Amino acid sequence: MNDSDKIILVVLGQAIKSEQEGNDYYDDLAAKADDTIGKEMFERLALEEKNHEKEMMEKYDEIAERCGWEPYEGSGTMKFLDHLDIELPFIDEEHASFVGDASLSGNEVLTLAIEVEKASADFFMNAAVAVDQTDAKEFFVDLAKSEIKHAYILEHEIQRLASRG
């Protein structure tokens, strides 16, 4: 197995965990939203996170099977790291995690989500640079673009809420 495959699998393992957290985070915000527009936005973001998770799990399992690794069983086990013998300095769970302080206010919750989406975009762009397979580069760049889109949507939500007064 080449280093590029290893990088792809580790990146996907980390990213799947982040997508799961994002789905839970946005589902929770949708349940707490006090207006229809906010509720629909969070539901849409949760669905996108769920779809990304599914795409990533499929890609992970496809590459893992080809390389003789176990299928994805959850990043909580960190089993996918057992095969890794290379350093990936751009993996920083602290800056790409939706797990935050439950006492945050509305704007603080949105700001946290924006920071995580932007950190995730950086993570995927760094992954795109780190791999040498064209299809993996394109996959990670597309994911980065999607995370930037999420940050943009959340920034507009902050503006919308501010205009409501």
Foldseek 3Di string as FASTA:
>chain_A
DDPQLLLLLLLLQLLLQLLVQLLVLLCVQLVVDPDDVSNVLSNVSSVVSVVVNVVSQVVNQVSCVVVVHDRDDHCVVVSSCVPDDDDDVLDDCVQQHLDDDPPDDPVRNLVSLLSNLQSQLVSLCSSLVVHDDPVSNVVSNVSSVVSNVSSVVSVVVVVVVVVVD
